[in-house]
C-alpha atoms as a PDB file:
ATOM      1  CA  UNK A   1     -14.371  13.079  17.207  1.00  0.00           C
ATOM      2  CA  UNK A   2     -17.187  10.221  16.078  1.00  0.00           C
ATOM      3  CA  UNK A   3     -18.235  10.643  13.160  1.00  0.00           C
ATOM      4  CA  UNK A   4     -22.093  10.417  12.795  1.00  0.00           C
ATOM      5  CA  UNK A   5     -22.934  11.447   9.320  1.00  0.00           C
ATOM      6  CA  UNK A   6     -21.268  11.069   6.090  1.00  0.00           C
ATOM      7  CA  UNK A   7     -22.493  11.865   2.139  1.00  0.00           C
ATOM      8  CA  UNK A   8     -20.614  10.855  -0.298  1.00  0.00           C
ATOM      9  CA  UNK A   9     -20.836  12.467  -4.246  1.00  0.00           C
ATOM     10  CA  UNK A  10     -24.573  12.376  -3.488  1.00  0.00           C
ATOM     11  CA  UNK A  11     -25.758  12.883  -6.606  1.00  0.00           C
ATOM     12  CA  UNK A  12     -29.999  13.310  -7.523  1.00  0.00           C
ATOM     13  CA  UNK A  13     -31.593  13.659 -10.572  1.00  0.00           C
ATOM     14  CA  UNK A  14     -35.046  14.294 -11.032  1.00  0.00           C
ATOM     15  CA  UNK A  15     -37.042  14.367 -14.336  1.00  0.00           C
ATOM     16  CA  UNK A  16     -39.604  17.035 -15.270  1.00  0.00           C
ATOM     17  CA  UNK A  17     -41.240  15.666 -18.362  1.00  0.00           C
ATOM     18  CA  UNK A  18     -38.734  15.439 -21.225  1.00  0.00           C
ATOM     19  CA  UNK A  19     -36.321  17.670 -18.693  1.00  0.00           C
ATOM     20  CA  UNK A  20     -33.605  15.928 -16.570  1.00  0.00           C
ATOM     21  CA  UNK A  21     -32.904  18.744 -13.305  1.00  0.00           C
ATOM     22  CA  UNK A  22     -29.496  17.813 -11.435  1.00  0.00           C
ATOM     23  CA  UNK A  23     -30.449  18.622  -7.663  1.00  0.00           C
ATOM     24  CA  UNK A  24     -27.455  17.393  -6.042  1.00  0.00           C
ATOM     25  CA  UNK A  25     -23.932  17.478  -8.014  1.00  0.00           C
ATOM     26  CA  UNK A  26     -21.540  15.235  -6.188  1.00  0.00           C
ATOM     27  CA  UNK A  27     -21.937  16.467  -2.512  1.00  0.00           C
ATOM     28  CA  UNK A  28     -18.944  15.069  -0.158  1.00  0.00           C
ATOM     29  CA  UNK A  29     -20.348  16.028   3.606  1.00  0.00           C
ATOM     30  CA  UNK A  30     -19.084  14.519   7.142  1.00  0.00           C
ATOM     31  CA  UNK A  31     -20.457  15.357  10.422  1.00  0.00           C
ATOM     32  CA  UNK A  32     -19.526  14.312  13.397  1.00  0.00           C
ATOM     33  CA  UNK A  33     -21.091  13.382  16.747  1.00  0.00           C
ATOM     34  CA  UNK A  34     -22.681  16.778  18.696  1.00  0.00           C
ATOM     35  CA  UNK A  35     -21.810  18.835  15.858  1.00  0.00           C
ATOM     36  CA  UNK A  36     -24.629  21.657  15.378  1.00  0.00           C
ATOM     37  CA  UNK A  37     -24.598  21.890  11.383  1.00  0.00           C
ATOM     38  CA  UNK A  38     -26.139  25.115   9.329  1.00  0.00           C
ATOM     39  CA  UNK A  39     -27.183  24.454   5.499  1.00  0.00           C
ATOM     40  CA  UNK A  40     -27.525  27.553   3.731  1.00  0.00           C
ATOM     41  CA  UNK A  41     -28.395  28.557  -0.362  1.00  0.00           C
ATOM     42  CA  UNK A  42     -30.598  29.779  -2.314  1.00  0.00           C
ATOM     43  CA  UNK A  43     -33.871  28.651  -3.563  1.00  0.00           C
ATOM     44  CA  UNK A  44     -33.248  25.464  -5.962  1.00  0.00           C
ATOM     45  CA  UNK A  45     -29.465  25.140  -4.197  1.00  0.00           C
ATOM     46  CA  UNK A  46     -30.992  21.883  -3.312  1.00  0.00           C
ATOM     47  CA  UNK A  47     -30.846  22.436   0.574  1.00  0.00           C
ATOM     48  CA  UNK A  48     -33.951  20.398   1.458  1.00  0.00           C
ATOM     49  CA  UNK A  49     -32.796  17.836  -1.043  1.00  0.00           C
ATOM     50  CA  UNK A  50     -29.497  17.090   0.581  1.00  0.00           C
ATOM     51  CA  UNK A  51     -31.601  16.956   3.993  1.00  0.00           C
ATOM     52  CA  UNK A  52     -34.193  14.083   2.505  1.00  0.00           C
ATOM     53  CA  UNK A  53     -31.331  12.381   1.692  1.00  0.00           C
ATOM     54  CA  UNK A  54     -29.444  12.510   4.668  1.00  0.00           C
ATOM     55  CA  UNK A  55     -32.297  11.019   7.204  1.00  0.00           C
ATOM     56  CA  UNK A  56     -32.982   8.506   4.234  1.00  0.00           C
ATOM     57  CA  UNK A  57     -36.684  10.574   3.227  1.00  0.00           C
ATOM     58  CA  UNK A  58     -35.587   9.916   0.018  1.00  0.00           C
ATOM     59  CA  UNK A  59     -33.327   8.084  -2.166  1.00  0.00           C
ATOM     60  CA  UNK A  60     -30.057   9.224  -3.961  1.00  0.00           C
ATOM     61  CA  UNK A  61     -29.174   8.959  -7.797  1.00  0.00           C
ATOM     62  CA  UNK A  62     -25.739   8.208  -7.189  1.00  0.00           C
ATOM     63  CA  UNK A  63     -23.691   8.222  -4.375  1.00  0.00           C
ATOM     64  CA  UNK A  64     -24.549   6.862  -0.774  1.00  0.00           C
ATOM     65  CA  UNK A  65     -24.951   8.383   3.185  1.00  0.00           C
ATOM     66  CA  UNK A  66     -23.856   6.632   5.911  1.00  0.00           C
ATOM     67  CA  UNK A  67     -24.961   6.981   9.308  1.00  0.00           C
ATOM     68  CA  UNK A  68     -23.596   5.653  12.344  1.00  0.00           C
ATOM     69  CA  UNK A  69     -20.676   3.504   9.547  1.00  0.00           C
ATOM     70  CA  UNK A  70     -23.765   2.011   7.868  1.00  0.00           C
ATOM     71  CA  UNK A  71     -24.729   2.788   4.214  1.00  0.00           C
ATOM     72  CA  UNK A  72     -28.205   3.141   3.920  1.00  0.00           C
ATOM     73  CA  UNK A  73     -27.707   1.981  -0.395  1.00  0.00           C
ATOM     74  CA  UNK A  74     -26.928  -0.768   1.490  1.00  0.00           C
ATOM     75  CA  UNK A  75     -30.258  -1.295   3.585  1.00  0.00           C
ATOM     76  CA  UNK A  76     -33.458  -2.579   2.451  1.00  0.00           C
ATOM     77  CA  UNK A  77     -36.457  -0.284   2.610  1.00  0.00           C
ATOM     78  CA  UNK A  78     -38.178  -1.700   5.731  1.00  0.00           C
ATOM     79  CA  UNK A  79     -34.017  -1.596   7.171  1.00  0.00           C
ATOM     80  CA  UNK A  80     -34.237   2.418   5.998  1.00  0.00           C
ATOM     81  CA  UNK A  81     -37.405   2.341   7.861  1.00  0.00           C
ATOM     82  CA  UNK A  82     -36.390   1.356  10.749  1.00  0.00           C
ATOM     83  CA  UNK A  83     -32.956   3.759  10.956  1.00  0.00           C
ATOM     84  CA  UNK A  84     -35.077   6.727   9.905  1.00  0.00           C
ATOM     85  CA  UNK A  85     -37.939   5.936  12.990  1.00  0.00           C
ATOM     86  CA  UNK A  86     -34.638   4.583  15.808  1.00  0.00           C
ATOM     87  CA  UNK A  87     -31.662   6.986  14.502  1.00  0.00           C
ATOM     88  CA  UNK A  88     -33.269  10.064  13.111  1.00  0.00           C
ATOM     89  CA  UNK A  89     -35.075  12.957  14.448  1.00  0.00           C
ATOM     90  CA  UNK A  90     -37.000  15.502  12.410  1.00  0.00           C
ATOM     91  CA  UNK A  91     -38.316  19.051  13.091  1.00  0.00           C
ATOM     92  CA  UNK A  92     -40.310  20.401   9.819  1.00  0.00           C
ATOM     93  CA  UNK A  93     -41.317  24.415   9.759  1.00  0.00           C
ATOM     94  CA  UNK A  94     -45.297  23.060   9.786  1.00  0.00           C
ATOM     95  CA  UNK A  95     -44.540  21.344  12.915  1.00  0.00           C
ATOM     96  CA  UNK A  96     -46.431  18.090  11.998  1.00  0.00           C
ATOM     97  CA  UNK A  97     -48.527  17.631  15.025  1.00  0.00           C
ATOM     98  CA  UNK A  98     -51.369  15.552  15.175  1.00  0.00           C
ATOM     99  CA  UNK A  99     -53.799  17.566  16.041  1.00  0.00           C
ATOM    100  CA  UNK A 100     -56.182  14.920  17.915  1.00  0.00           C
ATOM    101  CA  UNK A 101     -53.108  14.416  20.870  1.00  0.00           C
ATOM    102  CA  UNK A 102     -51.816  16.204  23.585  1.00  0.00           C
ATOM    103  CA  UNK A 103     -48.519  17.623  23.537  1.00  0.00           C
ATOM    104  CA  UNK A 104     -47.421  14.517  25.571  1.00  0.00           C
ATOM    105  CA  UNK A 105     -48.953  12.169  23.101  1.00  0.00           C
ATOM    106  CA  UNK A 106     -47.519  14.166  20.454  1.00  0.00           C
ATOM    107  CA  UNK A 107     -43.601  13.320  22.352  1.00  0.00           C
ATOM    108  CA  UNK A 108     -44.649   9.978  22.250  1.00  0.00           C
ATOM    109  CA  UNK A 109     -45.464   9.138  19.613  1.00  0.00           C
ATOM    110  CA  UNK A 110     -42.300   7.689  17.687  1.00  0.00           C
ATOM    111  CA  UNK A 111     -41.916   5.285  21.066  1.00  0.00           C
ATOM    112  CA  UNK A 112     -45.843   4.170  20.157  1.00  0.00           C
ATOM    113  CA  UNK A 113     -45.231   3.848  16.350  1.00  0.00           C
ATOM    114  CA  UNK A 114     -41.948   1.768  16.975  1.00  0.00           C
ATOM    115  CA  UNK A 115     -43.701  -0.539  19.058  1.00  0.00           C
ATOM    116  CA  UNK A 116     -42.828   0.606  22.557  1.00  0.00           C
ATOM    117  CA  UNK A 117     -45.552   1.036  25.344  1.00  0.00           C
ATOM    118  CA  UNK A 118     -44.999   4.815  26.416  1.00  0.00           C
ATOM    119  CA  UNK A 119     -46.540   5.086  30.038  1.00  0.00           C
ATOM    120  CA  UNK A 120     -42.941   3.309  29.781  1.00  0.00           C
ATOM    121  CA  UNK A 121     -41.096   6.140  28.971  1.00  0.00           C
ATOM    122  CA  UNK A 122     -43.334   8.670  31.112  1.00  0.00           C
ATOM    123  CA  UNK A 123     -40.215  10.251  32.585  1.00  0.00           C
ATOM    124  CA  UNK A 124     -38.380  10.835  29.364  1.00  0.00           C
ATOM    125  CA  UNK A 125     -41.706  12.681  27.925  1.00  0.00           C
ATOM    126  CA  UNK A 126     -41.968  14.626  31.171  1.00  0.00           C
ATOM    127  CA  UNK A 127     -37.964  15.638  30.815  1.00  0.00           C
ATOM    128  CA  UNK A 128     -38.230  16.515  27.373  1.00  0.00           C
ATOM    129  CA  UNK A 129     -41.181  18.666  28.057  1.00  0.00           C
ATOM    130  CA  UNK A 130     -39.342  20.698  30.497  1.00  0.00           C
ATOM    131  CA  UNK A 131     -36.332  20.672  28.417  1.00  0.00           C
ATOM    132  CA  UNK A 132     -38.229  22.629  26.428  1.00  0.00           C
ATOM    133  CA  UNK A 133     -40.458  24.713  28.613  1.00  0.00           C
ATOM    134  CA  UNK A 134     -43.819  22.826  28.581  1.00  0.00           C
ATOM    135  CA  UNK A 135     -43.958  21.232  31.529  1.00  0.00           C
ATOM    136  CA  UNK A 136     -47.725  22.431  32.265  1.00  0.00           C
ATOM    137  CA  UNK A 137     -48.556  22.716  28.608  1.00  0.00           C
ATOM    138  CA  UNK A 138     -48.483  18.692  28.077  1.00  0.00           C
ATOM    139  CA  UNK A 139     -51.825  18.463  28.127  1.00  0.00           C
ATOM    140  CA  UNK A 140     -52.836  20.957  25.692  1.00  0.00           C
ATOM    141  CA  UNK A 141     -53.407  19.755  22.046  1.00  0.00           C
ATOM    142  CA  UNK A 142     -52.070  21.235  19.004  1.00  0.00           C
ATOM    143  CA  UNK A 143     -54.576  24.119  18.867  1.00  0.00           C
ATOM    144  CA  UNK A 144     -54.215  25.120  22.467  1.00  0.00           C
ATOM    145  CA  UNK A 145     -50.698  26.120  21.977  1.00  0.00           C
ATOM    146  CA  UNK A 146     -48.918  29.508  20.017  1.00  0.00           C
ATOM    147  CA  UNK A 147     -46.810  28.509  17.588  1.00  0.00           C
ATOM    148  CA  UNK A 148     -43.655  28.754  19.136  1.00  0.00           C
ATOM    149  CA  UNK A 149     -44.922  26.259  21.760  1.00  0.00           C
ATOM    150  CA  UNK A 150     -46.021  23.820  18.826  1.00  0.00           C
ATOM    151  CA  UNK A 151     -42.700  23.946  17.265  1.00  0.00           C
ATOM    152  CA  UNK A 152     -40.503  23.149  20.463  1.00  0.00           C
ATOM    153  CA  UNK A 153     -42.827  20.300  21.524  1.00  0.00           C
ATOM    154  CA  UNK A 154     -41.325  18.916  17.637  1.00  0.00           C
ATOM    155  CA  UNK A 155     -38.077  19.652  19.083  1.00  0.00           C
ATOM    156  CA  UNK A 156     -39.150  17.260  22.407  1.00  0.00           C
ATOM    157  CA  UNK A 157     -40.698  15.079  19.737  1.00  0.00           C
ATOM    158  CA  UNK A 158     -37.431  14.699  17.493  1.00  0.00           C
ATOM    159  CA  UNK A 159     -35.438  13.793  20.551  1.00  0.00           C
ATOM    160  CA  UNK A 160     -37.360  11.816  22.557  1.00  0.00           C
ATOM    161  CA  UNK A 161     -36.385   8.281  20.468  1.00  0.00           C
ATOM    162  CA  UNK A 162     -32.478   9.510  21.471  1.00  0.00           C
ATOM    163  CA  UNK A 163     -31.669   9.692  17.859  1.00  0.00           C
ATOM    164  CA  UNK A 164     -27.777   9.838  16.119  1.00  0.00           C
ATOM    165  CA  UNK A 165     -29.054  12.937  14.112  1.00  0.00           C
ATOM    166  CA  UNK A 166     -32.117  15.621  14.172  1.00  0.00           C
ATOM    167  CA  UNK A 167     -32.660  16.884  10.789  1.00  0.00           C
ATOM    168  CA  UNK A 168     -34.127  20.556  10.784  1.00  0.00           C
ATOM    169  CA  UNK A 169     -35.719  21.999   7.530  1.00  0.00           C
ATOM    170  CA  UNK A 170     -36.699  25.401   8.129  1.00  0.00           C
ATOM    171  CA  UNK A 171     -37.280  25.567  11.564  1.00  0.00           C
ATOM    172  CA  UNK A 172     -38.190  28.674  12.385  1.00  0.00           C
ATOM    173  CA  UNK A 173     -39.458  29.988   9.730  1.00  0.00           C
ATOM    174  CA  UNK A 174     -43.373  30.175  10.562  1.00  0.00           C
ATOM    175  CA  UNK A 175     -42.273  31.695  13.718  1.00  0.00           C
ATOM    176  CA  UNK A 176     -41.831  35.256  14.999  1.00  0.00           C
ATOM    177  CA  UNK A 177     -38.554  36.435  15.973  1.00  0.00           C
ATOM    178  CA  UNK A 178     -38.766  35.777  19.764  1.00  0.00           C
ATOM    179  CA  UNK A 179     -40.129  32.336  19.030  1.00  0.00           C
ATOM    180  CA  UNK A 180     -37.447  31.612  16.446  1.00  0.00           C
ATOM    181  CA  UNK A 181     -34.857  32.783  18.865  1.00  0.00           C
ATOM    182  CA  UNK A 182     -36.166  30.416  22.025  1.00  0.00           C
ATOM    183  CA  UNK A 183     -36.404  27.919  19.238  1.00  0.00           C
ATOM    184  CA  UNK A 184     -32.667  27.460  18.107  1.00  0.00           C
ATOM    185  CA  UNK A 185     -31.333  28.164  21.526  1.00  0.00           C
ATOM    186  CA  UNK A 186     -33.079  25.275  22.351  1.00  0.00           C
ATOM    187  CA  UNK A 187     -31.564  23.218  19.566  1.00  0.00           C
ATOM    188  CA  UNK A 188     -27.961  24.616  20.686  1.00  0.00           C
ATOM    189  CA  UNK A 189     -28.386  23.725  24.253  1.00  0.00           C
ATOM    190  CA  UNK A 190     -29.953  20.076  23.189  1.00  0.00           C
ATOM    191  CA  UNK A 191     -27.566  19.647  20.912  1.00  0.00           C
ATOM    192  CA  UNK A 192     -24.248  20.604  23.223  1.00  0.00           C
ATOM    193  CA  UNK A 193     -26.413  19.291  26.447  1.00  0.00           C
ATOM    194  CA  UNK A 194     -27.165  15.489  24.957  1.00  0.00           C
ATOM    195  CA  UNK A 195     -24.842  15.709  22.580  1.00  0.00           C
ATOM    196  CA  UNK A 196     -27.445  15.216  19.821  1.00  0.00           C
ATOM    197  CA  UNK A 197     -25.750  15.993  15.785  1.00  0.00           C
ATOM    198  CA  UNK A 198     -28.067  18.672  14.388  1.00  0.00           C
ATOM    199  CA  UNK A 199     -28.453  19.275  11.225  1.00  0.00           C
ATOM    200  CA  UNK A 200     -30.543  22.245   9.497  1.00  0.00           C
ATOM    201  CA  UNK A 201     -31.569  23.957   6.901  1.00  0.00           C
ATOM    202  CA  UNK A 202     -32.262  27.768   6.720  1.00  0.00           C
ATOM    203  CA  UNK A 203     -31.794  30.893   4.589  1.00  0.00           C
ATOM    204  CA  UNK A 204     -31.725  33.326   7.700  1.00  0.00           C
ATOM    205  CA  UNK A 205     -27.954  34.475   8.601  1.00  0.00           C
ATOM    206  CA  UNK A 206     -29.325  34.869  12.080  1.00  0.00           C
ATOM    207  CA  UNK A 207     -30.646  31.446  12.692  1.00  0.00           C
ATOM    208  CA  UNK A 208     -27.173  30.048  10.950  1.00  0.00           C
ATOM    209  CA  UNK A 209     -25.171  31.375  13.730  1.00  0.00           C
ATOM    210  CA  UNK A 210     -26.265  29.256  16.195  1.00  0.00           C
ATOM    211  CA  UNK A 211     -24.547  26.201  14.877  1.00  0.00           C
ATOM    212  CA  UNK A 212     -21.330  25.034  14.972  1.00  0.00           C
ATOM    213  CA  UNK A 213     -20.348  25.556  11.207  1.00  0.00           C
ATOM    214  CA  UNK A 214     -22.158  26.680   8.112  1.00  0.00           C
ATOM    215  CA  UNK A 215     -22.404  24.885   4.523  1.00  0.00           C
ATOM    216  CA  UNK A 216     -22.799  26.881   1.428  1.00  0.00           C
ATOM    217  CA  UNK A 217     -24.941  25.510  -1.576  1.00  0.00           C
ATOM    218  CA  UNK A 218     -24.937  26.606  -4.820  1.00  0.00           C
ATOM    219  CA  UNK A 219     -25.903  24.875  -8.110  1.00  0.00           C
ATOM    220  CA  UNK A 220     -26.660  21.338  -5.908  1.00  0.00           C
ATOM    221  CA  UNK A 221     -23.046  21.925  -5.067  1.00  0.00           C
ATOM    222  CA  UNK A 222     -20.824  22.730  -1.334  1.00  0.00           C
ATOM    223  CA  UNK A 223     -19.317  26.263  -2.822  1.00  0.00           C
ATOM    224  CA  UNK A 224     -17.865  27.088   1.192  1.00  0.00           C
ATOM    225  CA  UNK A 225     -17.473  26.782   4.490  1.00  0.00           C
ATOM    226  CA  UNK A 226     -17.809  28.183   7.464  1.00  0.00           C
ATOM    227  CA  UNK A 227     -16.433  27.072  11.288  1.00  0.00           C
ATOM    228  CA  UNK A 228     -17.503  28.775  14.661  1.00  0.00           C
ATOM    229  CA  UNK A 229     -14.430  30.682  16.089  1.00  0.00           C
ATOM    230  CA  UNK A 230     -14.143  29.931  19.401  1.00  0.00           C
ATOM    231  CA  UNK A 231     -17.165  28.621  19.882  1.00  0.00           C
ATOM    232  CA  UNK A 232     -19.420  30.953  18.052  1.00  0.00           C
ATOM    233  CA  UNK A 233     -20.265  32.034  14.694  1.00  0.00           C
ATOM    234  CA  UNK A 234     -21.222  35.782  13.733  1.00  0.00           C
ATOM    235  CA  UNK A 235     -24.431  36.588  11.458  1.00  0.00           C
ATOM    236  CA  UNK A 236     -22.326  39.413  10.283  1.00  0.00           C
ATOM    237  CA  UNK A 237     -19.836  36.281   9.096  1.00  0.00           C
ATOM    238  CA  UNK A 238     -22.360  34.266   7.902  1.00  0.00           C
ATOM    239  CA  UNK A 239     -23.645  37.708   5.683  1.00  0.00           C
ATOM    240  CA  UNK A 240     -20.219  38.827   4.058  1.00  0.00           C
ATOM    241  CA  UNK A 241     -19.924  35.265   3.185  1.00  0.00           C
ATOM    242  CA  UNK A 242     -23.380  34.938   1.167  1.00  0.00           C
ATOM    243  CA  UNK A 243     -22.496  38.614  -0.393  1.00  0.00           C
ATOM    244  CA  UNK A 244     -19.031  37.567  -1.985  1.00  0.00           C
ATOM    245  CA  UNK A 245     -20.653  33.764  -3.014  1.00  0.00           C
ATOM    246  CA  UNK A 246     -23.774  36.569  -4.235  1.00  0.00           C
ATOM    247  CA  UNK A 247     -26.342  33.566  -2.782  1.00  0.00           C
END
């Protein structure tokens, strides 16, 4: 299988006054094309820090990230910006939609930022809005959509540039159970049908059970992994692993 993403001995330190905080301690992680990986761990374990490093939103103190075989450490800031724009999709807990744009315009936004003419990609935008079940809501602005609908717009936007990987940071954290389930099913379906790699940070064992693999972080290090048996991870299996690790 084709490897899309690799983290090599990633370290991240932050300076807080006179104190040096080690957020990550030499993390190694490989993710293959089409894989759906969940990253779990307690608050302060380094989950979001790892996700930001994987997506080029931040730079490691040591180590490197390879995306599609290219080392991000060897790229300039401008080159990393282009990589983020064209090869990485992002989904955040609070949607990050522009309030003055319609659902369709928010989905098309990465194309416009990349200098493309959104009108030429109307079919792609419509296809993605259909995938997330918002065909009839394409002209609605965010304040006319529910939280679950806004997150579905964010998912469509993350996939519009056909990225190598989609990074999701607690994508169901601001949703009720029904809307959260719909979002997770969409992510799993998109991963399988579009063969796009997904890495998702979550604290919820139920959400993690949608993934093909769960990676557990503790004190900035990977301490355990679970891989789906016959295509599906069990929520209880994840809970048991968390209990054993005292997470």
